[in-house]
Amino acid sequence: MELTVTIPEKYVISMSPDELKLLLKLNTAIDMYRSGQISSGAAVEFIGEIDRSEFFYECKKRGVNLRHTKTLMSWKRK
């Protein structure tokens, strides 16, 4: 699915369209993960540009509690 969003340029001066696209997808996926709507794997697939460890890192930076899975447990040991 393709979605077009119009954002006034004065709010995105400091980033490129690709950076903004990634940020919007990341924040949306983290929000959906936080609320239990999707798994971490689905979130990574939704974003499409990061791996699961990067996703967990971004969640941690935002204070999002990570759900315990086998993948998460192996990530925490690294």
N, C-alpha and C. Protein backbone atom coordinates (compact mmCIF):
# COMPACT_ATOMS: atom_id res chain seq x y z
N MET A 1 0.84 -1.18 0.00
CA MET A 1 0.00 0.00 0.00
C MET A 1 0.88 1.24 0.00
N GLU A 2 0.49 2.20 -0.73
CA GLU A 2 1.21 3.47 -0.76
C GLU A 2 0.33 4.53 -0.14
N LEU A 3 0.95 5.39 0.65
CA LEU A 3 0.24 6.45 1.35
C LEU A 3 0.97 7.75 1.13
N THR A 4 0.24 8.80 0.81
CA THR A 4 0.84 10.12 0.62
C THR A 4 0.43 11.01 1.77
N VAL A 5 1.43 11.64 2.38
CA VAL A 5 1.19 12.53 3.51
C VAL A 5 1.81 13.88 3.18
N THR A 6 1.06 14.94 3.36
CA THR A 6 1.57 16.28 3.12
C THR A 6 1.96 16.91 4.46
N ILE A 7 3.23 17.32 4.55
CA ILE A 7 3.74 17.93 5.77
C ILE A 7 4.34 19.28 5.38
N PRO A 8 3.97 20.34 6.08
CA PRO A 8 4.56 21.65 5.76
C PRO A 8 6.08 21.59 5.85
N GLU A 9 6.74 22.14 4.86
CA GLU A 9 8.19 22.07 4.76
C GLU A 9 8.91 22.64 5.98
N LYS A 10 8.33 23.64 6.62
CA LYS A 10 9.01 24.25 7.77
C LYS A 10 9.23 23.27 8.92
N TYR A 11 8.53 22.15 8.91
CA TYR A 11 8.69 21.15 9.98
C TYR A 11 9.71 20.08 9.65
N VAL A 12 10.20 20.05 8.44
CA VAL A 12 11.13 18.99 8.05
C VAL A 12 12.41 19.52 7.43
N ILE A 13 12.79 20.71 7.73
CA ILE A 13 13.98 21.33 7.15
C ILE A 13 15.24 20.53 7.49
N SER A 14 15.31 19.97 8.68
CA SER A 14 16.54 19.33 9.13
C SER A 14 16.71 17.88 8.67
N MET A 15 15.78 17.36 7.88
CA MET A 15 15.93 15.97 7.43
C MET A 15 15.45 15.80 6.00
N SER A 16 15.98 14.78 5.38
CA SER A 16 15.60 14.48 3.99
C SER A 16 14.25 13.76 3.99
N PRO A 17 13.59 13.71 2.84
CA PRO A 17 12.34 12.95 2.75
C PRO A 17 12.51 11.48 3.16
N ASP A 18 13.63 10.87 2.80
CA ASP A 18 13.86 9.47 3.18
C ASP A 18 14.03 9.31 4.69
N GLU A 19 14.73 10.27 5.32
CA GLU A 19 14.88 10.23 6.78
C GLU A 19 13.53 10.40 7.47
N LEU A 20 12.73 11.30 6.97
CA LEU A 20 11.40 11.52 7.54
C LEU A 20 10.52 10.29 7.37
N LYS A 21 10.58 9.68 6.20
CA LYS A 21 9.81 8.47 5.94
C LYS A 21 10.18 7.37 6.93
N LEU A 22 11.49 7.17 7.15
CA LEU A 22 11.94 6.16 8.10
C LEU A 22 11.47 6.50 9.51
N LEU A 23 11.59 7.75 9.91
CA LEU A 23 11.16 8.17 11.24
C LEU A 23 9.66 7.93 11.45
N LEU A 24 8.85 8.27 10.47
CA LEU A 24 7.41 8.07 10.58
C LEU A 24 7.06 6.58 10.66
N LYS A 25 7.72 5.77 9.84
CA LYS A 25 7.47 4.33 9.88
C LYS A 25 7.94 3.73 11.20
N LEU A 26 9.10 4.16 11.68
CA LEU A 26 9.64 3.66 12.95
C LEU A 26 8.72 4.01 14.10
N ASN A 27 8.31 5.27 14.18
CA ASN A 27 7.44 5.68 15.28
C ASN A 27 6.09 4.98 15.23
N THR A 28 5.55 4.79 14.04
CA THR A 28 4.27 4.09 13.90
C THR A 28 4.41 2.64 14.35
N ALA A 29 5.47 1.98 13.89
CA ALA A 29 5.69 0.58 14.26
C ALA A 29 5.90 0.42 15.77
N ILE A 30 6.66 1.33 16.37
CA ILE A 30 6.88 1.26 17.82
C ILE A 30 5.58 1.46 18.57
N ASP A 31 4.77 2.38 18.12
CA ASP A 31 3.47 2.61 18.74
C ASP A 31 2.58 1.37 18.64
N MET A 32 2.56 0.74 17.48
CA MET A 32 1.74 -0.46 17.29
C MET A 32 2.29 -1.62 18.12
N TYR A 33 3.61 -1.74 18.23
CA TYR A 33 4.23 -2.76 19.05
C TYR A 33 3.91 -2.52 20.53
N ARG A 34 4.04 -1.28 20.97
CA ARG A 34 3.77 -0.91 22.37
C ARG A 34 2.34 -1.30 22.77
N SER A 35 1.39 -1.07 21.85
CA SER A 35 -0.01 -1.35 22.16
C SER A 35 -0.40 -2.81 21.96
N GLY A 36 0.55 -3.63 21.49
CA GLY A 36 0.28 -5.05 21.32
C GLY A 36 -0.38 -5.41 20.01
N GLN A 37 -0.49 -4.46 19.10
CA GLN A 37 -1.14 -4.73 17.81
C GLN A 37 -0.28 -5.58 16.89
N ILE A 38 1.05 -5.46 17.00
CA ILE A 38 1.95 -6.24 16.16
C ILE A 38 3.13 -6.75 16.97
N SER A 39 3.77 -7.78 16.46
CA SER A 39 4.98 -8.34 17.09
C SER A 39 6.20 -7.54 16.65
N SER A 40 7.34 -7.83 17.28
CA SER A 40 8.57 -7.16 16.87
C SER A 40 8.94 -7.54 15.44
N GLY A 41 8.71 -8.78 15.07
CA GLY A 41 9.00 -9.21 13.70
C GLY A 41 8.14 -8.47 12.68
N ALA A 42 6.85 -8.31 13.01
CA ALA A 42 5.96 -7.56 12.12
C ALA A 42 6.37 -6.09 12.06
N ALA A 43 6.82 -5.55 13.18
CA ALA A 43 7.27 -4.16 13.21
C ALA A 43 8.47 -3.95 12.30
N VAL A 44 9.42 -4.88 12.36
CA VAL A 44 10.61 -4.79 11.51
C VAL A 44 10.21 -4.90 10.04
N GLU A 45 9.28 -5.79 9.75
CA GLU A 45 8.79 -5.93 8.36
C GLU A 45 8.09 -4.65 7.92
N PHE A 46 7.28 -4.06 8.79
CA PHE A 46 6.57 -2.82 8.49
C PHE A 46 7.56 -1.70 8.15
N ILE A 47 8.62 -1.58 8.95
CA ILE A 47 9.62 -0.53 8.74
C ILE A 47 10.43 -0.82 7.47
N GLY A 48 10.89 -2.05 7.35
CA GLY A 48 11.56 -2.47 6.14
C GLY A 48 13.00 -2.03 5.96
N GLU A 49 13.53 -1.23 6.85
CA GLU A 49 14.89 -0.70 6.64
C GLU A 49 15.82 -0.94 7.83
N ILE A 50 15.35 -1.67 8.84
CA ILE A 50 16.19 -1.95 10.00
C ILE A 50 16.01 -3.42 10.38
N ASP A 51 16.94 -3.94 11.19
CA ASP A 51 16.80 -5.31 11.67
C ASP A 51 16.21 -5.29 13.08
N ARG A 52 15.96 -6.46 13.60
CA ARG A 52 15.27 -6.56 14.89
C ARG A 52 16.08 -5.95 16.04
N SER A 53 17.40 -6.13 16.02
CA SER A 53 18.20 -5.55 17.11
C SER A 53 18.14 -4.02 17.08
N GLU A 54 18.12 -3.43 15.89
CA GLU A 54 17.96 -1.98 15.79
C GLU A 54 16.58 -1.56 16.30
N PHE A 55 15.57 -2.36 15.99
CA PHE A 55 14.22 -2.06 16.47
C PHE A 55 14.18 -2.08 18.00
N PHE A 56 14.77 -3.12 18.61
CA PHE A 56 14.80 -3.20 20.06
C PHE A 56 15.55 -2.01 20.66
N TYR A 57 16.64 -1.61 20.03
CA TYR A 57 17.41 -0.46 20.49
C TYR A 57 16.54 0.81 20.46
N GLU A 58 15.82 1.02 19.38
CA GLU A 58 14.96 2.20 19.26
C GLU A 58 13.82 2.16 20.28
N CYS A 59 13.29 0.98 20.54
CA CYS A 59 12.25 0.85 21.57
C CYS A 59 12.82 1.23 22.93
N LYS A 60 13.99 0.70 23.24
CA LYS A 60 14.62 0.98 24.52
C LYS A 60 14.88 2.48 24.69
N LYS A 61 15.36 3.14 23.61
CA LYS A 61 15.60 4.59 23.67
C LYS A 61 14.33 5.35 24.01
N ARG A 62 13.19 4.83 23.59
CA ARG A 62 11.90 5.51 23.79
C ARG A 62 11.17 5.03 25.04
N GLY A 63 11.83 4.17 25.82
CA GLY A 63 11.22 3.69 27.06
C GLY A 63 10.11 2.68 26.86
N VAL A 64 10.12 1.99 25.73
CA VAL A 64 9.08 0.99 25.45
C VAL A 64 9.51 -0.34 26.05
N ASN A 65 8.64 -0.94 26.85
CA ASN A 65 8.92 -2.24 27.43
C ASN A 65 8.91 -3.29 26.34
N LEU A 66 9.96 -4.11 26.32
CA LEU A 66 10.07 -5.16 25.31
C LEU A 66 9.41 -6.42 25.83
N ARG A 67 8.65 -7.06 24.96
CA ARG A 67 8.02 -8.33 25.33
C ARG A 67 9.07 -9.43 25.24
N HIS A 68 9.06 -10.33 26.17
CA HIS A 68 10.08 -11.38 26.22
C HIS A 68 9.78 -12.47 25.21
N THR A 69 10.70 -12.63 24.30
CA THR A 69 10.64 -13.70 23.30
C THR A 69 12.01 -14.34 23.23
N LYS A 70 12.12 -15.46 22.55
CA LYS A 70 13.43 -16.11 22.38
C LYS A 70 14.41 -15.15 21.71
N THR A 71 13.95 -14.41 20.70
CA THR A 71 14.82 -13.48 19.99
C THR A 71 15.30 -12.38 20.93
N LEU A 72 14.40 -11.85 21.74
CA LEU A 72 14.76 -10.79 22.67
C LEU A 72 15.76 -11.30 23.69
N MET A 73 15.56 -12.50 24.19
CA MET A 73 16.47 -13.04 25.20
C MET A 73 17.88 -13.20 24.62
N SER A 74 17.99 -13.64 23.38
CA SER A 74 19.33 -13.78 22.78
C SER A 74 19.93 -12.41 22.50
N TRP A 75 19.11 -11.40 22.17
CA TRP A 75 19.59 -10.06 21.93
C TRP A 75 20.13 -9.43 23.20
N LYS A 76 19.46 -9.66 24.33
CA LYS A 76 19.89 -9.07 25.61
C LYS A 76 21.23 -9.66 26.07
N ARG A 77 21.53 -10.88 25.67
CA ARG A 77 22.79 -11.52 26.09
C ARG A 77 23.98 -10.96 25.33
N LYS A 78 23.77 -10.32 24.21
CA LYS A 78 24.89 -9.81 23.40
C LYS A 78 25.57 -8.63 24.05
